[in-house]
Amino acid sequence: MSGGGVSRTTVVLGLAAVALSLVTLAGVPTPLQTVAAIAVLVLFPGQALVRLTQVTDPALGALLVLALGLATLTAVSTAMFYLAVWSWQACVVTMGVITILACLARARQEAAS
């Protein structure tokens, strides 16, 4: 993006992570909660992290979204388990925070360019 602004995609991704984290924690009906949880726990963090890379191939980008999302979720869950602080609510919040931090890093990249 020229002009040093932050892209709409970065803002929407960060806001969606916050909104769906709250939806997941609010106790909505199970089918909706499942979709929101998958987005917050795997897809959003993966997408936010992939946007920090220079990958331009769409197929590789899609693969990396899943790989980075699942790897991040595995690392967070394992760390929480070994620290004896694991709960699904804490995991949702942590993955939401990781997504927001990656969006902030991307916004900084966009603002600098």
Protein backbone atom coordinates (compact mmCIF):
# COMPACT_ATOMS: atom_id res chain seq x y z
CA MET A 1 0.00 0.00 0.00
CA SER A 2 1.47 3.33 -0.95
CA GLY A 3 1.22 6.39 1.19
CA GLY A 4 2.29 4.74 4.44
CA GLY A 5 -1.24 3.79 5.60
CA VAL A 6 -2.42 0.62 7.30
CA SER A 7 -4.40 -1.72 5.06
CA ARG A 8 -8.03 -2.49 5.68
CA THR A 9 -7.21 -6.22 5.78
CA THR A 10 -4.90 -5.74 8.76
CA VAL A 11 -7.51 -3.75 10.68
CA VAL A 12 -10.33 -6.18 9.86
CA LEU A 13 -8.23 -9.20 10.85
CA GLY A 14 -7.38 -7.67 14.23
CA LEU A 15 -10.95 -6.59 14.95
CA ALA A 16 -12.34 -9.95 13.85
CA ALA A 17 -9.94 -11.72 16.21
CA VAL A 18 -11.25 -9.64 19.12
CA ALA A 19 -14.90 -10.08 18.14
CA LEU A 20 -14.73 -13.83 17.56
CA SER A 21 -12.70 -14.36 20.73
CA LEU A 22 -15.54 -12.73 22.64
CA VAL A 23 -18.15 -14.77 20.73
CA THR A 24 -16.26 -17.97 21.55
CA LEU A 25 -16.09 -17.08 25.25
CA ALA A 26 -19.69 -15.86 25.47
CA GLY A 27 -21.23 -19.30 25.23
CA VAL A 28 -23.16 -18.96 21.98
CA PRO A 29 -24.79 -22.05 20.39
CA THR A 30 -22.33 -24.87 19.78
CA PRO A 31 -22.20 -24.77 15.93
CA LEU A 32 -21.45 -21.03 15.94
CA GLN A 33 -18.98 -21.43 18.80
CA THR A 34 -17.16 -24.17 16.86
CA VAL A 35 -16.76 -22.01 13.75
CA ALA A 36 -15.61 -19.04 15.84
CA ALA A 37 -13.13 -21.21 17.77
CA ILE A 38 -11.58 -22.63 14.59
CA ALA A 39 -11.16 -19.13 13.21
CA VAL A 40 -9.64 -17.73 16.41
CA LEU A 41 -7.48 -20.73 17.24
CA VAL A 42 -6.08 -21.59 13.79
CA LEU A 43 -7.06 -19.39 10.86
CA PHE A 44 -6.66 -15.85 12.22
CA PRO A 45 -3.27 -16.38 13.90
CA GLY A 46 -2.00 -18.23 10.83
CA GLN A 47 -3.20 -15.49 8.47
CA ALA A 48 -1.77 -12.74 10.67
CA LEU A 49 1.61 -14.48 10.84
CA VAL A 50 1.71 -15.24 7.10
CA ARG A 51 1.08 -11.56 6.36
CA LEU A 52 4.38 -10.81 8.12
CA THR A 53 6.25 -12.86 5.50
CA GLN A 54 7.04 -12.06 1.88
CA VAL A 55 5.11 -15.06 0.48
CA THR A 56 3.32 -14.13 -2.76
CA ASP A 57 2.22 -17.58 -3.99
CA PRO A 58 -1.47 -18.08 -2.99
CA ALA A 59 -1.17 -21.88 -2.62
CA LEU A 60 1.89 -21.61 -0.41
CA GLY A 61 0.23 -18.82 1.56
CA ALA A 62 -2.87 -20.97 2.22
CA LEU A 63 -0.69 -23.87 3.32
CA LEU A 64 1.31 -21.59 5.60
CA VAL A 65 -1.88 -20.19 7.18
CA LEU A 66 -2.82 -23.68 8.35
CA ALA A 67 0.74 -24.71 9.24
CA LEU A 68 1.56 -21.57 11.23
CA GLY A 69 -1.86 -21.51 12.89
CA LEU A 70 -1.61 -25.13 14.01
CA ALA A 71 2.04 -24.76 15.05
CA THR A 72 1.25 -21.68 17.13
CA LEU A 73 -1.75 -23.38 18.74
CA THR A 74 0.37 -26.44 19.53
CA ALA A 75 3.11 -24.33 21.10
CA VAL A 76 0.64 -22.30 23.19
CA SER A 77 -1.33 -25.36 24.34
CA THR A 78 1.81 -27.32 25.19
CA ALA A 79 3.29 -24.42 27.16
CA MET A 80 0.05 -23.93 29.08
CA PHE A 81 -0.18 -27.67 29.78
CA TYR A 82 3.37 -27.89 31.12
CA LEU A 83 2.87 -24.77 33.23
CA ALA A 84 -0.34 -26.33 34.59
CA VAL A 85 -2.42 -23.32 33.51
CA TRP A 86 -4.23 -24.82 30.52
CA SER A 87 -7.84 -23.89 29.94
CA TRP A 88 -9.66 -23.50 26.68
CA GLN A 89 -10.64 -19.93 27.59
CA ALA A 90 -7.02 -18.96 28.24
CA CYS A 91 -6.01 -20.61 24.97
CA VAL A 92 -8.63 -18.61 23.02
CA VAL A 93 -7.51 -15.37 24.65
CA THR A 94 -3.83 -16.14 24.05
CA MET A 95 -4.37 -16.95 20.37
CA GLY A 96 -6.44 -13.78 19.99
CA VAL A 97 -3.61 -11.77 21.55
CA ILE A 98 -1.06 -13.39 19.23
CA THR A 99 -3.25 -12.45 16.25
CA ILE A 100 -3.55 -8.85 17.45
CA LEU A 101 0.20 -8.58 18.07
CA ALA A 102 0.93 -9.93 14.58
CA CYS A 103 -1.57 -7.42 13.13
CA LEU A 104 0.16 -4.60 15.02
CA ALA A 105 3.53 -5.74 13.65
CA ARG A 106 2.05 -5.81 10.14
CA ALA A 107 0.53 -2.37 10.63
CA ARG A 108 3.96 -1.09 11.63
CA GLN A 109 5.44 -2.62 8.46
CA GLU A 110 2.73 -1.01 6.34
CA ALA A 111 3.09 2.38 7.99
CA ALA A 112 6.85 2.31 7.44
CA SER A 113 6.55 1.57 3.72
